[in-house]
Protein backbone atom coordinates (compact mmCIF):
# COMPACT_ATOMS: atom_id res chain seq x y z
CA UNK A 1 14.11 -8.97 -30.52
CA UNK A 2 10.46 -6.78 -30.09
CA UNK A 3 10.62 -4.70 -33.01
CA UNK A 4 7.84 -2.61 -32.49
CA UNK A 5 8.72 -1.64 -29.08
CA UNK A 6 11.92 -0.43 -30.81
CA UNK A 7 9.97 2.08 -32.93
CA UNK A 8 7.82 2.82 -31.15
CA UNK A 9 10.36 4.21 -27.58
CA UNK A 10 12.68 5.99 -30.88
CA UNK A 11 9.26 7.60 -31.78
CA UNK A 12 9.16 8.77 -28.38
CA UNK A 13 13.39 9.83 -28.47
CA UNK A 14 12.08 11.97 -32.06
CA UNK A 15 9.40 13.48 -29.97
CA UNK A 16 6.34 12.17 -31.89
CA UNK A 17 3.71 11.05 -29.25
CA UNK A 18 0.23 11.02 -30.70
CA UNK A 19 0.93 12.55 -34.13
CA UNK A 20 0.19 11.81 -37.60
CA UNK A 21 3.13 10.48 -39.39
CA UNK A 22 3.35 9.91 -43.12
CA UNK A 23 4.56 6.89 -44.47
CA UNK A 24 7.80 8.04 -45.47
CA UNK A 25 8.97 9.06 -42.01
CA UNK A 26 8.02 4.76 -40.95
CA UNK A 27 9.92 3.63 -43.97
CA UNK A 28 13.07 6.00 -43.51
CA UNK A 29 12.69 4.62 -39.34
CA UNK A 30 12.29 1.01 -40.74
CA UNK A 31 15.49 1.92 -43.38
CA UNK A 32 17.32 2.74 -39.58
CA UNK A 33 16.17 -0.37 -37.80
CA UNK A 34 16.65 -3.01 -40.71
CA UNK A 35 20.29 -1.25 -41.24
CA UNK A 36 21.24 -1.54 -37.35
CA UNK A 37 19.95 -5.24 -36.85
CA UNK A 38 22.26 -6.27 -39.32
CA UNK A 39 25.54 -4.75 -38.01
CA UNK A 40 24.49 -4.32 -34.10
CA UNK A 41 27.22 -6.24 -32.06
CA UNK A 42 25.32 -6.32 -28.68
CA UNK A 43 28.30 -6.42 -25.80
CA UNK A 44 27.69 -5.95 -21.90
CA UNK A 45 29.47 -6.57 -19.02
CA UNK A 46 28.00 -5.76 -15.18
CA UNK A 47 29.36 -6.12 -12.04
CA UNK A 48 27.03 -6.27 -8.78
CA UNK A 49 28.34 -3.71 -5.54
CA UNK A 50 27.31 -3.80 -2.33
CA UNK A 51 25.91 -0.51 -1.18
CA UNK A 52 25.96 2.00 1.65
CA UNK A 53 23.67 4.49 2.83
CA UNK A 54 24.03 8.34 4.61
CA UNK A 55 25.86 9.13 2.38
CA UNK A 56 25.32 6.53 -0.68
CA UNK A 57 28.04 4.93 -1.60
CA UNK A 58 29.24 2.21 -4.38
CA UNK A 59 31.71 -0.03 -1.42
CA UNK A 60 34.14 -2.05 -3.19
CA UNK A 61 34.50 0.73 -5.75
CA UNK A 62 35.13 4.24 -3.91
CA UNK A 63 32.18 5.76 -5.83
CA UNK A 64 29.76 8.09 -4.21
CA UNK A 65 26.43 8.41 -6.01
CA UNK A 66 24.82 10.38 -3.43
CA UNK A 67 22.54 12.47 -5.62
CA UNK A 68 18.95 12.43 -5.00
CA UNK A 69 17.46 10.73 -8.28
CA UNK A 70 19.57 8.16 -6.86
CA UNK A 71 18.81 8.34 -2.55
CA UNK A 72 15.11 7.59 -3.91
CA UNK A 73 15.66 5.02 -6.27
CA UNK A 74 17.88 3.27 -4.50
CA UNK A 75 16.19 3.60 -0.67
CA UNK A 76 15.36 -0.18 -0.37
CA UNK A 77 18.44 -1.44 -2.16
CA UNK A 78 21.40 -2.85 -0.56
CA UNK A 79 23.35 -3.80 -4.06
CA UNK A 80 23.81 -2.21 -7.11
CA UNK A 81 24.67 -3.68 -10.36
CA UNK A 82 26.33 -1.41 -12.88
CA UNK A 83 25.87 -2.08 -16.72
CA UNK A 84 27.88 -1.37 -19.86
CA UNK A 85 26.64 -1.92 -23.06
CA UNK A 86 27.45 -1.32 -26.81
CA UNK A 87 25.75 -2.22 -30.31
CA UNK A 88 29.29 -1.80 -31.56
CA UNK A 89 31.86 0.52 -32.76
CA UNK A 90 29.63 -0.13 -36.64
CA UNK A 91 26.66 2.08 -35.17
CA UNK A 92 29.24 4.46 -34.19
CA UNK A 93 31.00 4.79 -37.64
CA UNK A 94 27.26 4.85 -39.10
CA UNK A 95 26.08 7.64 -37.11
CA UNK A 96 29.29 9.52 -38.28
CA UNK A 97 29.04 9.14 -41.77
CA UNK A 98 25.43 10.06 -41.81
CA UNK A 99 26.24 13.26 -39.71
CA UNK A 100 28.22 14.22 -42.94
CA UNK A 101 25.44 13.59 -45.80
CA UNK A 102 22.14 13.04 -44.03
CA UNK A 103 21.46 15.03 -40.72
CA UNK A 104 17.98 13.54 -41.03
CA UNK A 105 18.75 10.32 -40.90
CA UNK A 106 21.98 10.28 -38.52
CA UNK A 107 19.02 11.89 -35.79
CA UNK A 108 16.48 8.60 -36.81
CA UNK A 109 19.17 6.24 -36.95
CA UNK A 110 20.36 7.56 -33.37
CA UNK A 111 16.99 7.72 -31.85
CA UNK A 112 16.79 3.98 -33.47
CA UNK A 113 19.76 2.67 -31.94
CA UNK A 114 18.98 3.89 -28.62
CA UNK A 115 16.29 2.38 -28.58
CA UNK A 116 17.40 -0.64 -30.00
CA UNK A 117 20.66 -0.89 -27.40
CA UNK A 118 17.51 -0.22 -24.58
CA UNK A 119 15.87 -3.34 -25.95
CA UNK A 120 18.87 -5.61 -26.26
CA UNK A 121 20.18 -4.57 -22.55
CA UNK A 122 16.13 -5.46 -21.36
CA UNK A 123 16.57 -9.03 -23.19
CA UNK A 124 19.99 -9.65 -21.60
CA UNK A 125 18.92 -8.66 -17.97
CA UNK A 126 15.89 -10.72 -18.17
CA UNK A 127 18.18 -13.87 -19.05
CA UNK A 128 21.00 -13.24 -16.91
CA UNK A 129 20.43 -10.87 -14.05
CA UNK A 130 18.43 -12.77 -11.29
CA UNK A 131 15.91 -10.98 -8.49
CA UNK A 132 14.18 -7.94 -7.60
CA UNK A 133 15.47 -4.61 -9.61
CA UNK A 134 14.72 -1.23 -10.13
CA UNK A 135 14.80 0.22 -13.72
CA UNK A 136 17.99 1.12 -15.05
CA UNK A 137 19.33 4.40 -14.87
CA UNK A 138 22.06 6.41 -16.60
CA UNK A 139 24.37 9.45 -15.28
CA UNK A 140 22.98 12.57 -17.47
CA UNK A 141 19.49 11.46 -16.03
CA UNK A 142 17.86 14.04 -13.66
CA UNK A 143 20.44 15.49 -11.75
CA UNK A 144 22.86 12.97 -11.98
CA UNK A 145 26.46 13.72 -13.58
CA UNK A 146 27.33 12.52 -16.66
CA UNK A 147 31.04 12.90 -15.22
CA UNK A 148 29.91 9.24 -13.60
CA UNK A 149 30.18 7.59 -16.47
CA UNK A 150 34.17 7.45 -16.13
CA UNK A 151 34.22 6.02 -13.10
CA UNK A 152 31.39 3.73 -13.62
CA UNK A 153 33.29 2.57 -16.84
CA UNK A 154 35.93 2.39 -14.90
CA UNK A 155 35.28 -0.06 -12.00
CA UNK A 156 33.50 -3.10 -14.78
CA UNK A 157 36.31 -2.33 -16.97
CA UNK A 158 34.28 -1.49 -19.78
CA UNK A 159 37.34 -0.60 -22.26
CA UNK A 160 38.94 -3.58 -21.62
CA UNK A 161 35.73 -6.52 -21.57
CA UNK A 162 33.55 -4.84 -24.25
CA UNK A 163 36.04 -2.46 -26.10
CA UNK A 164 33.50 0.34 -24.74
CA UNK A 165 35.08 4.01 -23.77
CA UNK A 166 33.98 7.05 -22.20
CA UNK A 167 34.70 10.05 -24.49
CA UNK A 168 36.62 13.29 -22.53
CA UNK A 169 32.71 14.51 -22.87
CA UNK A 170 31.57 11.88 -20.77
């Protein structure tokens, strides 16, 4: 795990770029990172699907993904890999706990957890998914509706395989 990359990305998620940050903030960030590292239970599942174009569509899954951001991203692709991953329920429980007692820590914990998950996913992809690929793109980015999460989680059976569910808010 590249902890310096996790820290760097967490700072970006928190909106800190080229700003002077005091030692107490870094101490809190590192405390969150250590806590996450001790309790995280990374789980992942994925499946590859053929793509059809015009309209952009995930074959064998009946999912229309004809959105401008994805059309551009997948313009030279014939397949798509749908990935579901989680750090586990303990992270969610700790976030909920901090939301009641320390909103600042909750915010930092959430950013560090998101960055930690991205780093875990990068490492997993580099070890297990062979071939040329684009970067990961998640519903909710750009103009891709967050509601797409339900369909994607369903086709790779996230709930059964890794215990990941999509909430009503998607």
